[in-house]
Amino acid sequence: MMNLILFYLLVFVHHIFIILLILTPPFVIINEPFWIAIPICVWVLHLMFSPILVCPATIWENRLRRKMCKPEIGTFFKHYYIKPFRKFIDR
């Protein structure tokens, strides 16, 4: 039961973090000069879509998934956002 609560709490916090990460670039572009905004936006996109970087929260989620006998995920963004979007489009 505790693993399930931790799992849902981690997924919720991870979603909040991803949403904030998506909302950051427009505010940076509006409020900062371009020589500051462009590197920050590129860095944010690299964090979200990099197949090399692994988020610590995804590692924690996979540990909890193993304990609960659920299948592991590759990346959080792909699992929770891209795959459902593709399923929705393919209908």
N, C-alpha and C. Protein backbone atom coordinates (compact mmCIF):
# COMPACT_ATOMS: atom_id res chain seq x y z
N MET A 1 0.82 -1.20 0.00
CA MET A 1 0.00 0.00 0.00
C MET A 1 0.87 1.26 0.00
N MET A 2 1.95 1.23 0.80
CA MET A 2 2.84 2.39 0.88
C MET A 2 3.54 2.62 -0.46
N ASN A 3 3.93 1.54 -1.13
CA ASN A 3 4.57 1.68 -2.44
C ASN A 3 3.62 2.32 -3.45
N LEU A 4 2.36 1.97 -3.38
CA LEU A 4 1.37 2.55 -4.29
C LEU A 4 1.20 4.06 -4.05
N ILE A 5 1.16 4.46 -2.79
CA ILE A 5 1.06 5.88 -2.46
C ILE A 5 2.30 6.63 -2.92
N LEU A 6 3.47 6.06 -2.67
CA LEU A 6 4.72 6.68 -3.13
C LEU A 6 4.76 6.78 -4.65
N PHE A 7 4.28 5.73 -5.31
CA PHE A 7 4.26 5.72 -6.77
C PHE A 7 3.39 6.86 -7.31
N TYR A 8 2.17 6.98 -6.81
CA TYR A 8 1.27 8.03 -7.29
C TYR A 8 1.78 9.43 -6.93
N LEU A 9 2.36 9.58 -5.78
CA LEU A 9 2.93 10.86 -5.38
C LEU A 9 4.10 11.24 -6.29
N LEU A 10 4.96 10.28 -6.59
CA LEU A 10 6.09 10.53 -7.48
C LEU A 10 5.62 10.89 -8.88
N VAL A 11 4.65 10.17 -9.41
CA VAL A 11 4.13 10.46 -10.75
C VAL A 11 3.48 11.84 -10.77
N PHE A 12 2.74 12.20 -9.74
CA PHE A 12 2.10 13.51 -9.66
C PHE A 12 3.15 14.63 -9.65
N VAL A 13 4.15 14.50 -8.80
CA VAL A 13 5.20 15.52 -8.71
C VAL A 13 5.98 15.60 -10.02
N HIS A 14 6.21 14.47 -10.65
CA HIS A 14 6.90 14.44 -11.94
C HIS A 14 6.08 15.16 -13.01
N HIS A 15 4.78 14.96 -13.01
CA HIS A 15 3.91 15.67 -13.96
C HIS A 15 3.98 17.18 -13.73
N ILE A 16 3.93 17.61 -12.49
CA ILE A 16 4.02 19.03 -12.18
C ILE A 16 5.35 19.59 -12.68
N PHE A 17 6.43 18.87 -12.46
CA PHE A 17 7.74 19.30 -12.92
C PHE A 17 7.78 19.42 -14.44
N ILE A 18 7.23 18.44 -15.15
CA ILE A 18 7.21 18.48 -16.62
C ILE A 18 6.38 19.66 -17.11
N ILE A 19 5.24 19.91 -16.50
CA ILE A 19 4.40 21.04 -16.91
C ILE A 19 5.14 22.36 -16.69
N LEU A 20 5.82 22.50 -15.57
CA LEU A 20 6.61 23.71 -15.33
C LEU A 20 7.76 23.83 -16.32
N LEU A 21 8.35 22.72 -16.67
CA LEU A 21 9.44 22.72 -17.65
C LEU A 21 8.93 23.15 -19.03
N ILE A 22 7.70 22.77 -19.36
CA ILE A 22 7.12 23.17 -20.64
C ILE A 22 6.74 24.65 -20.63
N LEU A 23 6.28 25.16 -19.48
CA LEU A 23 5.86 26.55 -19.39
C LEU A 23 7.02 27.54 -19.27
N THR A 24 8.19 27.07 -18.91
CA THR A 24 9.32 27.96 -18.68
C THR A 24 9.81 28.69 -19.94
N PRO A 25 10.05 28.02 -21.08
CA PRO A 25 10.63 28.72 -22.23
C PRO A 25 9.86 29.96 -22.70
N PRO A 26 8.54 29.95 -22.80
CA PRO A 26 7.88 31.19 -23.23
C PRO A 26 8.14 32.37 -22.29
N PHE A 27 8.15 32.12 -20.98
CA PHE A 27 8.42 33.20 -20.04
C PHE A 27 9.86 33.68 -20.14
N VAL A 28 10.78 32.75 -20.38
CA VAL A 28 12.18 33.14 -20.54
C VAL A 28 12.35 33.97 -21.81
N ILE A 29 11.71 33.56 -22.88
CA ILE A 29 11.81 34.30 -24.15
C ILE A 29 11.25 35.71 -24.00
N ILE A 30 10.16 35.86 -23.28
CA ILE A 30 9.53 37.17 -23.09
C ILE A 30 10.37 38.08 -22.18
N ASN A 31 10.93 37.50 -21.11
CA ASN A 31 11.55 38.32 -20.07
C ASN A 31 13.06 38.47 -20.17
N GLU A 32 13.73 37.70 -21.00
CA GLU A 32 15.19 37.76 -21.07
C GLU A 32 15.64 38.11 -22.48
N PRO A 33 16.86 38.66 -22.60
CA PRO A 33 17.40 38.89 -23.94
C PRO A 33 17.67 37.57 -24.65
N PHE A 34 17.75 37.62 -25.97
CA PHE A 34 17.84 36.38 -26.74
C PHE A 34 19.10 35.58 -26.43
N TRP A 35 20.23 36.22 -26.08
CA TRP A 35 21.46 35.48 -25.80
C TRP A 35 21.37 34.69 -24.50
N ILE A 36 20.40 34.98 -23.69
CA ILE A 36 20.13 34.20 -22.49
C ILE A 36 18.99 33.21 -22.76
N ALA A 37 17.97 33.65 -23.47
CA ALA A 37 16.77 32.82 -23.68
C ALA A 37 17.05 31.61 -24.57
N ILE A 38 17.80 31.79 -25.64
CA ILE A 38 18.04 30.68 -26.58
C ILE A 38 18.77 29.51 -25.91
N PRO A 39 19.89 29.74 -25.21
CA PRO A 39 20.53 28.58 -24.54
C PRO A 39 19.66 27.90 -23.50
N ILE A 40 18.87 28.68 -22.77
CA ILE A 40 17.99 28.08 -21.76
C ILE A 40 16.91 27.23 -22.43
N CYS A 41 16.32 27.72 -23.51
CA CYS A 41 15.28 26.96 -24.21
C CYS A 41 15.86 25.69 -24.83
N VAL A 42 17.05 25.79 -25.39
CA VAL A 42 17.70 24.60 -25.96
C VAL A 42 17.99 23.58 -24.87
N TRP A 43 18.44 24.06 -23.71
CA TRP A 43 18.73 23.16 -22.60
C TRP A 43 17.46 22.46 -22.11
N VAL A 44 16.37 23.19 -22.00
CA VAL A 44 15.10 22.61 -21.56
C VAL A 44 14.64 21.53 -22.55
N LEU A 45 14.71 21.82 -23.83
CA LEU A 45 14.33 20.83 -24.84
C LEU A 45 15.24 19.60 -24.79
N HIS A 46 16.52 19.84 -24.56
CA HIS A 46 17.46 18.71 -24.44
C HIS A 46 17.10 17.84 -23.23
N LEU A 47 16.75 18.46 -22.11
CA LEU A 47 16.35 17.69 -20.93
C LEU A 47 15.12 16.84 -21.20
N MET A 48 14.17 17.40 -21.93
CA MET A 48 12.91 16.69 -22.14
C MET A 48 13.01 15.56 -23.16
N PHE A 49 13.81 15.74 -24.19
CA PHE A 49 13.79 14.78 -25.30
C PHE A 49 15.08 13.97 -25.46
N SER A 50 16.02 14.10 -24.57
CA SER A 50 17.29 13.40 -24.71
C SER A 50 17.13 11.91 -24.40
N PRO A 51 17.58 11.05 -25.33
CA PRO A 51 17.53 9.62 -25.03
C PRO A 51 18.69 9.18 -24.13
N ILE A 52 19.68 10.06 -23.95
CA ILE A 52 20.86 9.72 -23.17
C ILE A 52 20.66 10.04 -21.69
N LEU A 53 20.11 11.21 -21.41
CA LEU A 53 19.90 11.62 -20.02
C LEU A 53 18.73 10.85 -19.41
N VAL A 54 18.92 10.37 -18.21
CA VAL A 54 17.85 9.66 -17.50
C VAL A 54 17.53 10.45 -16.24
N CYS A 55 16.29 10.82 -16.11
CA CYS A 55 15.84 11.59 -14.95
C CYS A 55 15.86 10.71 -13.70
N PRO A 56 16.36 11.23 -12.59
CA PRO A 56 16.34 10.44 -11.35
C PRO A 56 14.93 10.01 -10.93
N ALA A 57 13.94 10.85 -11.20
CA ALA A 57 12.57 10.48 -10.84
C ALA A 57 12.08 9.28 -11.66
N THR A 58 12.55 9.14 -12.90
CA THR A 58 12.19 7.97 -13.71
C THR A 58 12.84 6.72 -13.13
N ILE A 59 14.06 6.85 -12.66
CA ILE A 59 14.73 5.71 -12.01
C ILE A 59 13.96 5.29 -10.76
N TRP A 60 13.54 6.27 -9.97
CA TRP A 60 12.76 5.96 -8.76
C TRP A 60 11.43 5.31 -9.13
N GLU A 61 10.80 5.84 -10.18
CA GLU A 61 9.52 5.26 -10.60
C GLU A 61 9.71 3.81 -11.05
N ASN A 62 10.78 3.53 -11.79
CA ASN A 62 11.02 2.16 -12.23
C ASN A 62 11.29 1.23 -11.05
N ARG A 63 11.96 1.71 -10.02
CA ARG A 63 12.17 0.89 -8.81
C ARG A 63 10.83 0.56 -8.16
N LEU A 64 9.97 1.57 -8.04
CA LEU A 64 8.65 1.32 -7.45
C LEU A 64 7.82 0.39 -8.34
N ARG A 65 7.93 0.55 -9.65
CA ARG A 65 7.21 -0.33 -10.58
C ARG A 65 7.67 -1.78 -10.42
N ARG A 66 8.97 -1.98 -10.26
CA ARG A 66 9.49 -3.34 -10.05
C ARG A 66 8.93 -3.95 -8.77
N LYS A 67 8.89 -3.14 -7.70
CA LYS A 67 8.36 -3.64 -6.43
C LYS A 67 6.88 -4.00 -6.53
N MET A 68 6.15 -3.30 -7.40
CA MET A 68 4.72 -3.54 -7.56
C MET A 68 4.42 -4.48 -8.74
N CYS A 69 5.45 -5.06 -9.33
CA CYS A 69 5.34 -6.00 -10.47
C CYS A 69 4.67 -5.35 -11.68
N LYS A 70 4.95 -4.08 -11.91
CA LYS A 70 4.48 -3.38 -13.10
C LYS A 70 5.63 -3.30 -14.10
N PRO A 71 5.32 -3.16 -15.39
CA PRO A 71 6.40 -3.03 -16.37
C PRO A 71 7.12 -1.68 -16.22
N GLU A 72 8.43 -1.70 -16.48
CA GLU A 72 9.23 -0.48 -16.39
C GLU A 72 8.97 0.41 -17.60
N ILE A 73 9.27 1.70 -17.44
CA ILE A 73 9.12 2.65 -18.54
C ILE A 73 10.51 3.09 -18.99
N GLY A 74 10.59 3.56 -20.25
CA GLY A 74 11.85 4.06 -20.77
C GLY A 74 12.09 5.49 -20.32
N THR A 75 11.21 6.37 -20.76
CA THR A 75 11.28 7.77 -20.34
C THR A 75 9.89 8.22 -19.91
N PHE A 76 9.86 9.11 -18.95
CA PHE A 76 8.59 9.58 -18.40
C PHE A 76 7.76 10.31 -19.45
N PHE A 77 8.40 11.25 -20.15
CA PHE A 77 7.69 12.06 -21.13
C PHE A 77 7.11 11.21 -22.24
N LYS A 78 7.88 10.27 -22.72
CA LYS A 78 7.41 9.39 -23.79
C LYS A 78 6.26 8.49 -23.31
N HIS A 79 6.40 7.96 -22.10
CA HIS A 79 5.40 7.02 -21.58
C HIS A 79 4.06 7.71 -21.29
N TYR A 80 4.10 8.88 -20.67
CA TYR A 80 2.87 9.52 -20.22
C TYR A 80 2.30 10.55 -21.20
N TYR A 81 3.10 11.04 -22.15
CA TYR A 81 2.61 12.08 -23.05
C TYR A 81 2.62 11.66 -24.51
N ILE A 82 3.73 11.13 -24.99
CA ILE A 82 3.84 10.84 -26.42
C ILE A 82 3.04 9.60 -26.81
N LYS A 83 3.19 8.50 -26.07
CA LYS A 83 2.45 7.28 -26.41
C LYS A 83 0.93 7.46 -26.34
N PRO A 84 0.36 8.08 -25.31
CA PRO A 84 -1.09 8.30 -25.31
C PRO A 84 -1.54 9.21 -26.45
N PHE A 85 -0.71 10.21 -26.79
CA PHE A 85 -1.05 11.10 -27.89
C PHE A 85 -1.08 10.33 -29.21
N ARG A 86 -0.11 9.45 -29.41
CA ARG A 86 -0.09 8.63 -30.63
C ARG A 86 -1.29 7.69 -30.69
N LYS A 87 -1.66 7.09 -29.56
CA LYS A 87 -2.83 6.23 -29.52
C LYS A 87 -4.09 7.02 -29.87
N PHE A 88 -4.18 8.23 -29.37
CA PHE A 88 -5.32 9.09 -29.64
C PHE A 88 -5.38 9.46 -31.12
N ILE A 89 -4.24 9.77 -31.71
CA ILE A 89 -4.18 10.15 -33.14
C ILE A 89 -4.48 8.95 -34.03
N ASP A 90 -4.03 7.76 -33.66
CA ASP A 90 -4.21 6.56 -34.49
C ASP A 90 -5.64 6.05 -34.49
N ARG A 91 -6.50 6.52 -33.62
CA ARG A 91 -7.87 6.03 -33.57
C ARG A 91 -8.64 6.41 -34.79
